[in-house]
N, C-alpha and C. Protein backbone atom coordinates (compact mmCIF):
# COMPACT_ATOMS: atom_id res chain seq x y z
N MET A 1 -4.36 11.50 -20.61
CA MET A 1 -3.89 11.40 -19.24
C MET A 1 -2.60 12.22 -19.13
N SER A 2 -2.56 13.11 -18.18
CA SER A 2 -1.40 13.98 -18.04
C SER A 2 -0.26 13.24 -17.34
N ARG A 3 0.92 13.81 -17.43
CA ARG A 3 2.08 13.21 -16.79
C ARG A 3 1.90 13.06 -15.29
N GLN A 4 1.27 14.04 -14.67
CA GLN A 4 1.06 13.95 -13.22
C GLN A 4 0.12 12.81 -12.86
N ASP A 5 -0.72 12.38 -13.79
CA ASP A 5 -1.63 11.26 -13.54
C ASP A 5 -0.96 9.91 -13.71
N THR A 6 0.05 9.82 -14.56
CA THR A 6 0.60 8.52 -14.93
C THR A 6 1.58 7.94 -13.93
N TRP A 7 2.16 8.73 -13.06
CA TRP A 7 3.19 8.17 -12.17
C TRP A 7 2.62 7.13 -11.21
N CYS A 8 1.36 7.22 -10.83
CA CYS A 8 0.79 6.23 -9.92
C CYS A 8 0.11 5.08 -10.65
N LEU A 9 0.04 5.14 -11.98
CA LEU A 9 -0.63 4.10 -12.75
C LEU A 9 -0.08 2.70 -12.51
N PRO A 10 1.23 2.49 -12.48
CA PRO A 10 1.73 1.13 -12.21
C PRO A 10 1.26 0.57 -10.86
N GLU A 11 1.20 1.42 -9.85
CA GLU A 11 0.74 0.97 -8.53
C GLU A 11 -0.75 0.63 -8.56
N VAL A 12 -1.53 1.42 -9.24
CA VAL A 12 -2.96 1.15 -9.38
C VAL A 12 -3.17 -0.18 -10.09
N LYS A 13 -2.45 -0.39 -11.20
CA LYS A 13 -2.56 -1.65 -11.94
C LYS A 13 -2.17 -2.83 -11.07
N ARG A 14 -1.07 -2.70 -10.36
CA ARG A 14 -0.58 -3.79 -9.52
C ARG A 14 -1.62 -4.17 -8.47
N ARG A 15 -2.16 -3.18 -7.82
CA ARG A 15 -3.14 -3.45 -6.76
C ARG A 15 -4.41 -4.09 -7.33
N LEU A 16 -4.90 -3.58 -8.44
CA LEU A 16 -6.11 -4.15 -9.04
C LEU A 16 -5.88 -5.58 -9.53
N LEU A 17 -4.77 -5.81 -10.20
CA LEU A 17 -4.49 -7.14 -10.74
C LEU A 17 -4.22 -8.17 -9.65
N SER A 18 -3.83 -7.71 -8.48
CA SER A 18 -3.61 -8.65 -7.37
C SER A 18 -4.88 -8.87 -6.55
N GLY A 19 -6.00 -8.31 -7.01
CA GLY A 19 -7.29 -8.56 -6.38
C GLY A 19 -7.64 -7.61 -5.26
N GLN A 20 -6.87 -6.57 -5.07
CA GLN A 20 -7.16 -5.62 -4.00
C GLN A 20 -8.27 -4.66 -4.40
N ARG A 21 -8.96 -4.17 -3.41
CA ARG A 21 -9.90 -3.07 -3.60
C ARG A 21 -9.15 -1.81 -3.20
N ILE A 22 -9.30 -0.76 -3.98
CA ILE A 22 -8.56 0.47 -3.68
C ILE A 22 -9.51 1.67 -3.60
N THR A 23 -9.11 2.61 -2.77
CA THR A 23 -9.84 3.87 -2.62
C THR A 23 -8.83 5.01 -2.72
N GLN A 24 -9.36 6.20 -2.90
CA GLN A 24 -8.50 7.37 -2.92
C GLN A 24 -7.74 7.50 -1.61
N ALA A 25 -8.42 7.26 -0.50
CA ALA A 25 -7.77 7.37 0.81
C ALA A 25 -6.62 6.38 0.95
N ALA A 26 -6.81 5.15 0.47
CA ALA A 26 -5.74 4.15 0.55
C ALA A 26 -4.55 4.54 -0.31
N MET A 27 -4.81 5.11 -1.49
CA MET A 27 -3.72 5.53 -2.36
C MET A 27 -2.97 6.71 -1.77
N ILE A 28 -3.68 7.63 -1.14
CA ILE A 28 -3.02 8.77 -0.49
C ILE A 28 -2.10 8.26 0.61
N GLU A 29 -2.60 7.32 1.40
CA GLU A 29 -1.79 6.76 2.48
C GLU A 29 -0.58 6.01 1.93
N ALA A 30 -0.77 5.20 0.91
CA ALA A 30 0.31 4.39 0.34
C ALA A 30 1.39 5.22 -0.34
N THR A 31 1.03 6.42 -0.80
CA THR A 31 1.99 7.26 -1.53
C THR A 31 2.39 8.51 -0.76
N GLN A 32 2.17 8.50 0.53
CA GLN A 32 2.51 9.64 1.39
C GLN A 32 1.89 10.95 0.88
N GLY A 33 0.64 10.85 0.43
CA GLY A 33 -0.11 12.05 0.05
C GLY A 33 0.08 12.54 -1.36
N ARG A 34 0.74 11.78 -2.22
CA ARG A 34 1.00 12.27 -3.58
C ARG A 34 -0.02 11.82 -4.62
N ALA A 35 -0.83 10.81 -4.34
CA ALA A 35 -1.74 10.25 -5.35
C ALA A 35 -3.15 10.80 -5.19
N TRP A 36 -3.39 11.98 -5.73
CA TRP A 36 -4.71 12.59 -5.64
C TRP A 36 -5.55 12.35 -6.87
N ARG A 37 -5.05 11.60 -7.85
CA ARG A 37 -5.75 11.46 -9.12
C ARG A 37 -6.12 10.02 -9.44
N LEU A 38 -6.56 9.27 -8.45
CA LEU A 38 -6.95 7.89 -8.67
C LEU A 38 -8.05 7.79 -9.71
N SER A 39 -9.03 8.65 -9.66
CA SER A 39 -10.15 8.58 -10.61
C SER A 39 -9.66 8.77 -12.04
N ALA A 40 -8.62 9.57 -12.26
CA ALA A 40 -8.08 9.74 -13.61
C ALA A 40 -7.43 8.45 -14.10
N ALA A 41 -6.72 7.76 -13.20
CA ALA A 41 -6.11 6.48 -13.57
C ALA A 41 -7.19 5.45 -13.88
N ILE A 42 -8.25 5.40 -13.09
CA ILE A 42 -9.34 4.46 -13.32
C ILE A 42 -10.03 4.78 -14.65
N HIS A 43 -10.29 6.05 -14.90
CA HIS A 43 -10.91 6.46 -16.15
C HIS A 43 -10.05 6.02 -17.35
N TYR A 44 -8.76 6.24 -17.26
CA TYR A 44 -7.85 5.84 -18.34
C TYR A 44 -7.89 4.33 -18.56
N LEU A 45 -7.81 3.55 -17.49
CA LEU A 45 -7.82 2.09 -17.63
C LEU A 45 -9.15 1.59 -18.20
N ARG A 46 -10.23 2.21 -17.82
CA ARG A 46 -11.54 1.82 -18.34
C ARG A 46 -11.70 2.20 -19.81
N ARG A 47 -11.49 3.45 -20.10
CA ARG A 47 -11.78 3.97 -21.45
C ARG A 47 -10.73 3.63 -22.49
N SER A 48 -9.47 3.82 -22.15
CA SER A 48 -8.39 3.64 -23.12
C SER A 48 -7.86 2.22 -23.19
N GLN A 49 -7.93 1.49 -22.07
CA GLN A 49 -7.35 0.16 -22.03
C GLN A 49 -8.41 -0.95 -21.98
N GLY A 50 -9.66 -0.60 -21.79
CA GLY A 50 -10.74 -1.57 -21.80
C GLY A 50 -10.85 -2.45 -20.56
N TRP A 51 -10.31 -2.00 -19.45
CA TRP A 51 -10.38 -2.77 -18.21
C TRP A 51 -11.80 -2.67 -17.65
N GLY A 52 -12.34 -3.80 -17.20
CA GLY A 52 -13.68 -3.84 -16.62
C GLY A 52 -13.64 -3.62 -15.12
N ILE A 53 -13.29 -2.43 -14.71
CA ILE A 53 -13.14 -2.10 -13.29
C ILE A 53 -14.52 -1.83 -12.70
N ALA A 54 -14.82 -2.52 -11.61
CA ALA A 54 -16.07 -2.31 -10.89
C ALA A 54 -15.85 -1.24 -9.82
N SER A 55 -16.95 -0.60 -9.42
CA SER A 55 -16.82 0.42 -8.39
C SER A 55 -18.13 0.57 -7.63
N ILE A 56 -18.00 1.13 -6.46
CA ILE A 56 -19.15 1.47 -5.63
C ILE A 56 -18.78 2.74 -4.86
N LYS A 57 -19.74 3.62 -4.72
CA LYS A 57 -19.50 4.86 -3.99
C LYS A 57 -19.76 4.62 -2.51
N GLY A 58 -18.79 5.01 -1.68
CA GLY A 58 -18.89 4.83 -0.24
C GLY A 58 -19.69 5.91 0.45
N ARG A 59 -19.84 5.75 1.75
CA ARG A 59 -20.60 6.71 2.57
C ARG A 59 -20.06 8.12 2.50
N HIS A 60 -18.75 8.23 2.39
CA HIS A 60 -18.13 9.55 2.44
C HIS A 60 -17.92 10.14 1.06
N GLY A 61 -18.50 9.52 0.04
CA GLY A 61 -18.43 10.06 -1.30
C GLY A 61 -17.26 9.56 -2.13
N TRP A 62 -16.31 8.86 -1.52
CA TRP A 62 -15.19 8.32 -2.27
C TRP A 62 -15.54 6.94 -2.78
N ALA A 63 -15.12 6.66 -3.99
CA ALA A 63 -15.42 5.36 -4.59
C ALA A 63 -14.39 4.31 -4.18
N GLU A 64 -14.83 3.07 -4.22
CA GLU A 64 -13.95 1.92 -4.03
C GLU A 64 -13.93 1.19 -5.37
N TYR A 65 -12.72 0.86 -5.83
CA TYR A 65 -12.54 0.23 -7.14
C TYR A 65 -11.92 -1.15 -6.98
N TRP A 66 -12.32 -2.08 -7.86
CA TRP A 66 -11.73 -3.42 -7.88
C TRP A 66 -11.97 -4.06 -9.23
N LEU A 67 -11.23 -5.13 -9.49
CA LEU A 67 -11.45 -5.94 -10.68
C LEU A 67 -12.15 -7.23 -10.27
N PRO A 68 -13.28 -7.54 -10.90
CA PRO A 68 -13.91 -8.83 -10.64
C PRO A 68 -12.95 -9.96 -11.04
N HIS A 69 -13.11 -11.10 -10.40
CA HIS A 69 -12.20 -12.23 -10.62
C HIS A 69 -12.08 -12.59 -12.11
N ALA A 70 -13.20 -12.64 -12.82
CA ALA A 70 -13.18 -12.99 -14.24
C ALA A 70 -12.37 -11.98 -15.05
N GLU A 71 -12.43 -10.71 -14.67
CA GLU A 71 -11.67 -9.68 -15.38
C GLU A 71 -10.18 -9.80 -15.09
N ILE A 72 -9.83 -10.16 -13.87
CA ILE A 72 -8.42 -10.40 -13.54
C ILE A 72 -7.89 -11.53 -14.41
N GLN A 73 -8.66 -12.60 -14.51
CA GLN A 73 -8.24 -13.75 -15.32
C GLN A 73 -8.10 -13.35 -16.79
N ARG A 74 -9.03 -12.56 -17.30
CA ARG A 74 -8.96 -12.12 -18.70
C ARG A 74 -7.70 -11.29 -18.94
N LEU A 75 -7.43 -10.35 -18.06
CA LEU A 75 -6.26 -9.49 -18.23
C LEU A 75 -4.96 -10.29 -18.09
N ARG A 76 -4.92 -11.22 -17.16
CA ARG A 76 -3.73 -12.05 -17.01
C ARG A 76 -3.50 -12.93 -18.23
N SER A 77 -4.58 -13.41 -18.85
CA SER A 77 -4.44 -14.22 -20.06
C SER A 77 -3.89 -13.40 -21.23
N GLN A 78 -4.02 -12.08 -21.13
CA GLN A 78 -3.48 -11.17 -22.14
C GLN A 78 -2.07 -10.69 -21.78
N GLY A 79 -1.51 -11.25 -20.72
CA GLY A 79 -0.14 -10.92 -20.36
C GLY A 79 0.03 -9.89 -19.26
N MET A 80 -1.07 -9.38 -18.70
CA MET A 80 -0.95 -8.43 -17.60
C MET A 80 -0.58 -9.20 -16.34
N VAL A 81 0.39 -8.69 -15.62
CA VAL A 81 0.81 -9.33 -14.37
C VAL A 81 0.82 -8.29 -13.26
N PRO A 82 0.51 -8.74 -12.02
CA PRO A 82 0.53 -7.79 -10.90
C PRO A 82 1.93 -7.33 -10.54
């Protein structure tokens, strides 16, 4: 994961751990257009950190990502906090 990808990682983690569903469009809006690499953050959390992030592809081709309730509980039991 490059440095340009990691600056939004804490926000992605916070949103997922608090039960929110996130999209690229929502991250762009929340960061005033700076977060164009949501999929890189999701890939990193899935592959390198073992997070069980669920996703579905929307009508416009952008994916929506979330953590199932059981996965939130698992991560919180390991010390992850939103």
